[in-house]
């Protein structure tokens, strides 16, 4: 025989599991933008990746500086062997703009480096959609 308090407790646990990580509607478009951008990055199309950067980033970094960054950070890794997204978070940026931002982390393996964590920061621009604002990597 099942008592009412046990059923209520079980339902609250099951329902609670469903709301721990509710999918934000912005996550899928942010991930799609990041995936498309990182494909260009991997292909050595640094000019195209620069063109698709967030405006805030392009104000601080010239196209030449971006090429130098790609040459120092991405090129030495070689070809991608595997890449898997391990984290995606979206939030509103503080301040009056209230602009939406996202951070994605990938666990990746390359020809010349077995384990790298790649971190992409994106911002949602009103007229242009999701744009990469930052790329970083750290050795896994």
N, C-alpha and C. Protein backbone atom coordinates (compact mmCIF):
# COMPACT_ATOMS: atom_id res chain seq x y z
N UNK A 1 0.85 -1.17 0.00
CA UNK A 1 0.00 0.00 0.00
C UNK A 1 0.90 1.24 0.00
N UNK A 2 0.60 2.21 -0.89
CA UNK A 2 1.41 3.41 -1.04
C UNK A 2 0.73 4.57 -0.33
N UNK A 3 1.48 5.30 0.42
CA UNK A 3 0.89 6.44 1.13
C UNK A 3 1.02 7.70 0.28
N UNK A 4 0.14 8.63 0.50
CA UNK A 4 0.11 9.89 -0.24
C UNK A 4 1.43 10.67 -0.11
N UNK A 5 2.04 10.80 1.08
CA UNK A 5 3.30 11.55 1.18
C UNK A 5 4.42 10.96 0.32
N UNK A 6 4.46 9.64 0.17
CA UNK A 6 5.50 9.01 -0.65
C UNK A 6 5.28 9.37 -2.11
N UNK A 7 4.02 9.34 -2.57
CA UNK A 7 3.71 9.68 -3.96
C UNK A 7 4.05 11.15 -4.23
N UNK A 8 3.69 12.03 -3.34
CA UNK A 8 3.99 13.46 -3.49
C UNK A 8 5.50 13.68 -3.55
N UNK A 9 6.25 13.02 -2.67
CA UNK A 9 7.71 13.16 -2.67
C UNK A 9 8.30 12.64 -3.97
N UNK A 10 7.83 11.50 -4.45
CA UNK A 10 8.33 10.92 -5.69
C UNK A 10 8.02 11.83 -6.88
N UNK A 11 6.81 12.37 -6.94
CA UNK A 11 6.44 13.29 -8.02
C UNK A 11 7.29 14.55 -8.01
N UNK A 12 7.56 15.08 -6.82
CA UNK A 12 8.39 16.29 -6.77
C UNK A 12 9.81 16.01 -7.21
N UNK A 13 10.33 14.83 -6.94
CA UNK A 13 11.68 14.48 -7.42
C UNK A 13 11.67 14.36 -8.93
N UNK A 14 10.70 13.64 -9.49
CA UNK A 14 10.63 13.46 -10.94
C UNK A 14 10.41 14.79 -11.64
N UNK A 15 9.49 15.60 -11.16
CA UNK A 15 9.24 16.91 -11.76
C UNK A 15 10.44 17.82 -11.61
N UNK A 16 11.10 17.74 -10.48
CA UNK A 16 12.29 18.55 -10.25
C UNK A 16 13.40 18.22 -11.23
N UNK A 17 13.54 16.95 -11.59
CA UNK A 17 14.57 16.56 -12.55
C UNK A 17 14.31 17.19 -13.91
N UNK A 18 13.06 17.37 -14.24
CA UNK A 18 12.74 17.95 -15.53
C UNK A 18 13.04 19.43 -15.64
N UNK A 19 13.13 20.12 -14.53
CA UNK A 19 13.38 21.56 -14.60
C UNK A 19 14.79 21.95 -14.20
N UNK A 20 15.62 20.99 -13.92
CA UNK A 20 17.00 21.32 -13.55
C UNK A 20 17.68 22.04 -14.70
N UNK A 21 17.47 21.57 -15.94
CA UNK A 21 18.15 22.16 -17.09
C UNK A 21 17.14 22.35 -18.21
N UNK A 22 16.25 23.33 -18.03
CA UNK A 22 15.28 23.62 -19.09
C UNK A 22 16.04 24.23 -20.26
N UNK A 23 15.71 23.81 -21.47
CA UNK A 23 16.42 24.31 -22.63
C UNK A 23 16.01 25.75 -22.92
N UNK A 24 16.98 26.61 -23.04
CA UNK A 24 16.76 28.00 -23.38
C UNK A 24 16.59 28.07 -24.90
N UNK A 25 15.56 28.75 -25.41
CA UNK A 25 15.35 28.80 -26.86
C UNK A 25 16.51 29.44 -27.62
N UNK A 26 17.36 30.21 -26.94
CA UNK A 26 18.50 30.84 -27.59
C UNK A 26 19.67 29.90 -27.78
N UNK A 27 19.67 28.78 -27.07
CA UNK A 27 20.84 27.90 -27.11
C UNK A 27 21.06 27.27 -28.48
N UNK A 28 20.01 26.80 -29.12
CA UNK A 28 20.20 26.13 -30.41
C UNK A 28 20.75 27.08 -31.47
N UNK A 29 20.19 28.29 -31.65
CA UNK A 29 20.78 29.22 -32.63
C UNK A 29 22.22 29.61 -32.28
N UNK A 30 22.52 29.76 -31.00
CA UNK A 30 23.89 30.09 -30.59
C UNK A 30 24.83 28.95 -30.96
N UNK A 31 24.41 27.72 -30.70
CA UNK A 31 25.24 26.57 -31.03
C UNK A 31 25.43 26.44 -32.54
N UNK A 32 24.39 26.66 -33.30
CA UNK A 32 24.50 26.59 -34.76
C UNK A 32 25.48 27.63 -35.29
N UNK A 33 25.41 28.85 -34.75
CA UNK A 33 26.34 29.90 -35.17
C UNK A 33 27.77 29.53 -34.81
N UNK A 34 27.97 29.01 -33.62
CA UNK A 34 29.31 28.61 -33.18
C UNK A 34 29.85 27.48 -34.04
N UNK A 35 29.03 26.49 -34.33
CA UNK A 35 29.46 25.35 -35.15
C UNK A 35 29.84 25.79 -36.56
N UNK A 36 29.05 26.68 -37.16
CA UNK A 36 29.36 27.18 -38.50
C UNK A 36 30.66 27.97 -38.49
N UNK A 37 30.83 28.81 -37.48
CA UNK A 37 32.03 29.64 -37.38
C UNK A 37 33.28 28.78 -37.17
N UNK A 38 33.20 27.81 -36.27
CA UNK A 38 34.38 27.02 -35.94
C UNK A 38 34.80 26.14 -37.12
N UNK A 39 33.86 25.80 -37.98
CA UNK A 39 34.19 25.06 -39.20
C UNK A 39 35.09 25.90 -40.11
N UNK A 40 34.76 27.18 -40.25
CA UNK A 40 35.61 28.09 -41.03
C UNK A 40 36.98 28.26 -40.37
N UNK A 41 36.99 28.38 -39.06
CA UNK A 41 38.22 28.53 -38.26
C UNK A 41 39.14 27.35 -38.51
N UNK A 42 38.57 26.14 -38.48
CA UNK A 42 39.34 24.92 -38.71
C UNK A 42 39.91 24.86 -40.12
N UNK A 43 39.17 25.40 -41.08
CA UNK A 43 39.57 25.36 -42.48
C UNK A 43 40.62 26.41 -42.83
N UNK A 44 41.01 27.22 -41.86
CA UNK A 44 42.00 28.26 -42.13
C UNK A 44 41.41 29.48 -42.81
N UNK A 45 40.10 29.61 -42.81
CA UNK A 45 39.44 30.75 -43.44
C UNK A 45 39.32 31.89 -42.42
N UNK A 46 40.48 32.36 -41.98
CA UNK A 46 40.52 33.38 -40.93
C UNK A 46 39.89 34.68 -41.37
N UNK A 47 39.97 35.01 -42.68
CA UNK A 47 39.32 36.24 -43.17
C UNK A 47 37.80 36.16 -42.99
N UNK A 48 37.24 34.99 -43.32
CA UNK A 48 35.79 34.81 -43.17
C UNK A 48 35.39 34.79 -41.70
N UNK A 49 36.22 34.18 -40.85
CA UNK A 49 35.89 34.18 -39.43
C UNK A 49 35.94 35.61 -38.89
N UNK A 50 36.88 36.40 -39.38
CA UNK A 50 36.95 37.80 -38.94
C UNK A 50 35.69 38.55 -39.37
N UNK A 51 35.27 38.35 -40.62
CA UNK A 51 34.07 39.03 -41.11
C UNK A 51 32.84 38.69 -40.27
N UNK A 52 32.81 37.49 -39.71
CA UNK A 52 31.65 37.05 -38.93
C UNK A 52 31.78 37.30 -37.43
N UNK A 53 32.87 37.93 -37.02
CA UNK A 53 33.03 38.25 -35.60
C UNK A 53 32.02 39.31 -35.15
N UNK A 54 31.79 39.35 -33.86
CA UNK A 54 30.94 40.38 -33.27
C UNK A 54 31.57 41.76 -33.49
N UNK A 55 30.74 42.74 -33.68
CA UNK A 55 31.22 44.10 -33.92
C UNK A 55 32.11 44.60 -32.77
N UNK A 56 31.76 44.26 -31.56
CA UNK A 56 32.54 44.71 -30.41
C UNK A 56 33.98 44.18 -30.49
N UNK A 57 34.16 43.00 -31.01
CA UNK A 57 35.50 42.42 -31.15
C UNK A 57 36.26 43.09 -32.29
N UNK A 58 35.57 43.31 -33.41
CA UNK A 58 36.24 43.92 -34.56
C UNK A 58 36.65 45.37 -34.28
N UNK A 59 36.03 46.01 -33.30
CA UNK A 59 36.45 47.37 -32.92
C UNK A 59 37.82 47.34 -32.23
N UNK A 60 38.12 46.23 -31.55
CA UNK A 60 39.36 46.13 -30.78
C UNK A 60 40.49 45.40 -31.49
N UNK A 61 40.16 44.61 -32.51
CA UNK A 61 41.17 43.77 -33.16
C UNK A 61 41.09 43.98 -34.67
N UNK A 62 42.23 44.27 -35.28
CA UNK A 62 42.28 44.44 -36.73
C UNK A 62 42.30 43.07 -37.40
N UNK A 63 42.03 43.06 -38.70
CA UNK A 63 42.06 41.81 -39.44
C UNK A 63 43.46 41.20 -39.42
N UNK A 64 44.48 42.01 -39.46
CA UNK A 64 45.86 41.53 -39.39
C UNK A 64 46.14 40.88 -38.03
N UNK A 65 45.69 41.52 -36.96
CA UNK A 65 45.87 40.94 -35.62
C UNK A 65 45.12 39.61 -35.50
N UNK A 66 43.96 39.53 -36.13
CA UNK A 66 43.19 38.29 -36.10
C UNK A 66 43.94 37.16 -36.81
N UNK A 67 44.56 37.47 -37.95
CA UNK A 67 45.37 36.48 -38.67
C UNK A 67 46.53 36.01 -37.79
N UNK A 68 47.18 36.94 -37.13
CA UNK A 68 48.29 36.58 -36.24
C UNK A 68 47.81 35.71 -35.08
N UNK A 69 46.64 36.01 -34.57
CA UNK A 69 46.07 35.21 -33.49
C UNK A 69 45.78 33.80 -33.98
N UNK A 70 45.13 33.67 -35.13
CA UNK A 70 44.84 32.35 -35.70
C UNK A 70 46.14 31.57 -35.92
N UNK A 71 47.16 32.26 -36.45
CA UNK A 71 48.45 31.61 -36.72
C UNK A 71 49.12 31.10 -35.45
N UNK A 72 48.94 31.80 -34.35
CA UNK A 72 49.57 31.41 -33.09
C UNK A 72 48.74 30.41 -32.28
N UNK A 73 47.42 30.49 -32.39
CA UNK A 73 46.55 29.72 -31.51
C UNK A 73 45.95 28.49 -32.19
N UNK A 74 45.48 28.64 -33.41
CA UNK A 74 44.77 27.53 -34.06
C UNK A 74 45.63 26.72 -35.02
N UNK A 75 46.38 27.38 -35.86
CA UNK A 75 47.16 26.70 -36.89
C UNK A 75 48.08 25.62 -36.33
N UNK A 76 48.79 25.86 -35.23
CA UNK A 76 49.72 24.84 -34.72
C UNK A 76 49.07 23.51 -34.30
N UNK A 77 47.76 23.50 -34.10
CA UNK A 77 47.08 22.29 -33.66
C UNK A 77 46.94 21.24 -34.76
N UNK A 78 46.95 21.67 -36.01
CA UNK A 78 46.73 20.74 -37.12
C UNK A 78 45.26 20.44 -37.30
N UNK A 79 44.98 19.35 -38.02
CA UNK A 79 43.60 18.99 -38.32
C UNK A 79 42.85 18.50 -37.09
N UNK A 80 41.53 18.73 -37.10
CA UNK A 80 40.67 18.27 -36.02
C UNK A 80 40.48 16.76 -36.16
N UNK A 81 40.64 16.05 -35.06
CA UNK A 81 40.32 14.61 -35.04
C UNK A 81 38.92 14.39 -34.52
N UNK A 82 38.57 15.12 -33.45
CA UNK A 82 37.22 15.01 -32.89
C UNK A 82 36.92 16.29 -32.11
N UNK A 83 35.61 16.55 -31.98
CA UNK A 83 35.17 17.71 -31.20
C UNK A 83 33.78 17.40 -30.66
N UNK A 84 33.62 17.66 -29.38
CA UNK A 84 32.32 17.41 -28.73
C UNK A 84 32.01 18.58 -27.81
N UNK A 85 30.80 19.13 -27.95
CA UNK A 85 30.40 20.21 -27.06
C UNK A 85 30.16 19.63 -25.67
N UNK A 86 30.76 20.27 -24.66
CA UNK A 86 30.60 19.79 -23.29
C UNK A 86 29.84 20.77 -22.40
N UNK A 87 29.65 22.01 -22.88
CA UNK A 87 28.91 22.97 -22.07
C UNK A 87 28.40 24.10 -22.96
N UNK A 88 27.21 24.57 -22.64
CA UNK A 88 26.61 25.71 -23.33
C UNK A 88 25.77 26.46 -22.32
N UNK A 89 26.06 27.74 -22.19
CA UNK A 89 25.30 28.59 -21.25
C UNK A 89 24.97 29.91 -21.92
N UNK A 90 23.74 30.35 -21.74
CA UNK A 90 23.35 31.67 -22.24
C UNK A 90 22.91 32.51 -21.05
N UNK A 91 23.09 33.81 -21.19
CA UNK A 91 22.68 34.74 -20.13
C UNK A 91 22.58 36.14 -20.70
N UNK A 92 21.94 37.02 -19.96
CA UNK A 92 21.91 38.43 -20.32
C UNK A 92 23.14 39.09 -19.74
N UNK A 93 23.81 39.91 -20.55
CA UNK A 93 24.99 40.61 -20.08
C UNK A 93 24.56 41.72 -19.13
N UNK A 94 25.36 41.99 -18.13
CA UNK A 94 25.02 43.07 -17.22
C UNK A 94 25.14 44.43 -17.91
N UNK A 95 24.47 45.39 -17.37
CA UNK A 95 24.56 46.74 -17.92
C UNK A 95 23.31 47.10 -18.70
N UNK A 96 23.30 48.31 -19.22
CA UNK A 96 22.10 48.82 -19.87
C UNK A 96 21.78 48.11 -21.18
N UNK A 97 22.76 47.51 -21.85
CA UNK A 97 22.48 46.88 -23.14
C UNK A 97 21.60 45.65 -22.98
N UNK A 98 21.79 44.91 -21.89
CA UNK A 98 21.02 43.69 -21.68
C UNK A 98 21.18 42.70 -22.81
N UNK A 99 22.30 42.79 -23.50
CA UNK A 99 22.56 41.92 -24.65
C UNK A 99 22.74 40.48 -24.19
N UNK A 100 22.22 39.57 -24.96
CA UNK A 100 22.33 38.16 -24.63
C UNK A 100 23.70 37.64 -25.06
N UNK A 101 24.27 36.78 -24.23
CA UNK A 101 25.58 36.20 -24.55
C UNK A 101 25.51 34.69 -24.33
N UNK A 102 26.48 34.00 -24.90
CA UNK A 102 26.57 32.55 -24.73
C UNK A 102 28.03 32.16 -24.61
N UNK A 103 28.27 31.07 -23.88
CA UNK A 103 29.60 30.50 -23.79
C UNK A 103 29.48 29.01 -24.10
N UNK A 104 30.26 28.57 -25.05
CA UNK A 104 30.28 27.16 -25.42
C UNK A 104 31.66 26.61 -25.15
N UNK A 105 31.72 25.39 -24.67
CA UNK A 105 32.99 24.71 -24.48
C UNK A 105 32.96 23.40 -25.24
N UNK A 106 34.05 23.15 -25.93
CA UNK A 106 34.21 21.92 -26.68
C UNK A 106 35.42 21.17 -26.16
N UNK A 107 35.30 19.87 -26.10
CA UNK A 107 36.43 18.99 -25.80
C UNK A 107 36.88 18.47 -27.16
N UNK A 108 38.11 18.82 -27.55
CA UNK A 108 38.56 18.54 -28.90
C UNK A 108 39.89 17.81 -28.91
N UNK A 109 40.11 17.10 -29.99
CA UNK A 109 41.38 16.40 -30.22
C UNK A 109 41.89 16.82 -31.60
N UNK A 110 43.18 17.09 -31.67
CA UNK A 110 43.79 17.54 -32.91
C UNK A 110 44.98 16.66 -33.26
N UNK A 111 45.43 16.80 -34.48
CA UNK A 111 46.60 16.07 -34.97
C UNK A 111 47.81 16.21 -34.04
N UNK A 112 48.05 17.42 -33.60
CA UNK A 112 49.27 17.70 -32.83
C UNK A 112 49.01 17.93 -31.34
N UNK A 113 47.79 17.70 -30.91
CA UNK A 113 47.49 17.86 -29.50
C UNK A 113 46.25 17.02 -29.19
N UNK A 114 46.42 16.05 -28.32
CA UNK A 114 45.35 15.09 -28.03
C UNK A 114 44.13 15.70 -27.35
N UNK A 115 44.33 16.60 -26.42
CA UNK A 115 43.18 17.12 -25.68
C UNK A 115 43.27 18.63 -25.51
N UNK A 116 42.29 19.31 -26.06
CA UNK A 116 42.19 20.76 -25.97
C UNK A 116 40.76 21.11 -25.60
N UNK A 117 40.61 22.07 -24.70
CA UNK A 117 39.30 22.63 -24.40
C UNK A 117 39.22 23.94 -25.17
N UNK A 118 38.23 24.02 -26.06
CA UNK A 118 38.02 25.25 -26.84
C UNK A 118 36.82 25.97 -26.24
N UNK A 119 36.97 27.28 -26.08
CA UNK A 119 35.92 28.09 -25.47
C UNK A 119 35.56 29.21 -26.44
N UNK A 120 34.30 29.28 -26.79
CA UNK A 120 33.80 30.34 -27.67
C UNK A 120 32.82 31.20 -26.90
N UNK A 121 33.04 32.49 -26.94
CA UNK A 121 32.09 33.44 -26.38
C UNK A 121 31.33 34.07 -27.53
N UNK A 122 30.03 34.12 -27.43
CA UNK A 122 29.19 34.70 -28.47
C UNK A 122 28.30 35.79 -27.89
N UNK A 123 27.92 36.74 -28.72
CA UNK A 123 26.94 37.75 -28.34
C UNK A 123 25.85 37.75 -29.40
N UNK A 124 24.65 38.10 -28.96
CA UNK A 124 23.53 38.18 -29.89
C UNK A 124 23.36 39.63 -30.31
N UNK A 125 23.67 39.91 -31.57
CA UNK A 125 23.52 41.26 -32.10
C UNK A 125 22.14 41.38 -32.74
N UNK A 126 21.48 42.47 -32.47
CA UNK A 126 20.10 42.64 -32.94
C UNK A 126 19.96 42.45 -34.44
N UNK A 127 20.84 43.03 -35.22
CA UNK A 127 20.71 43.00 -36.67
C UNK A 127 21.39 41.81 -37.33
N UNK A 128 22.33 41.17 -36.64
CA UNK A 128 23.15 40.14 -37.28
C UNK A 128 23.02 38.76 -36.65
N UNK A 129 22.27 38.63 -35.58
CA UNK A 129 22.14 37.32 -34.93
C UNK A 129 23.33 37.01 -34.04
N UNK A 130 23.57 35.73 -33.78
CA UNK A 130 24.66 35.30 -32.91
C UNK A 130 25.99 35.43 -33.63
N UNK A 131 26.96 36.06 -32.94
CA UNK A 131 28.30 36.26 -33.50
C UNK A 131 29.34 35.89 -32.46
N UNK A 132 30.40 35.25 -32.93
CA UNK A 132 31.51 34.90 -32.04
C UNK A 132 32.22 36.18 -31.65
N UNK A 133 32.47 36.33 -30.36
CA UNK A 133 33.20 37.50 -29.85
C UNK A 133 34.59 37.11 -29.36
N UNK A 134 34.79 35.82 -29.07
CA UNK A 134 36.06 35.41 -28.49
C UNK A 134 36.28 33.92 -28.72
N UNK A 135 37.53 33.56 -28.98
CA UNK A 135 37.93 32.16 -29.06
C UNK A 135 39.15 31.98 -28.17
N UNK A 136 39.10 31.00 -27.32
CA UNK A 136 40.25 30.67 -26.48
C UNK A 136 40.42 29.17 -26.46
N UNK A 137 41.62 28.74 -26.19
CA UNK A 137 41.83 27.31 -25.99
C UNK A 137 42.72 27.12 -24.78
N UNK A 138 42.54 25.98 -24.17
CA UNK A 138 43.45 25.62 -23.09
C UNK A 138 43.72 24.13 -23.21
N UNK A 139 44.91 23.77 -22.82
CA UNK A 139 45.30 22.37 -22.90
C UNK A 139 44.50 21.59 -21.87
N UNK A 140 43.99 20.44 -22.29
CA UNK A 140 43.15 19.62 -21.42
C UNK A 140 43.98 18.87 -20.47
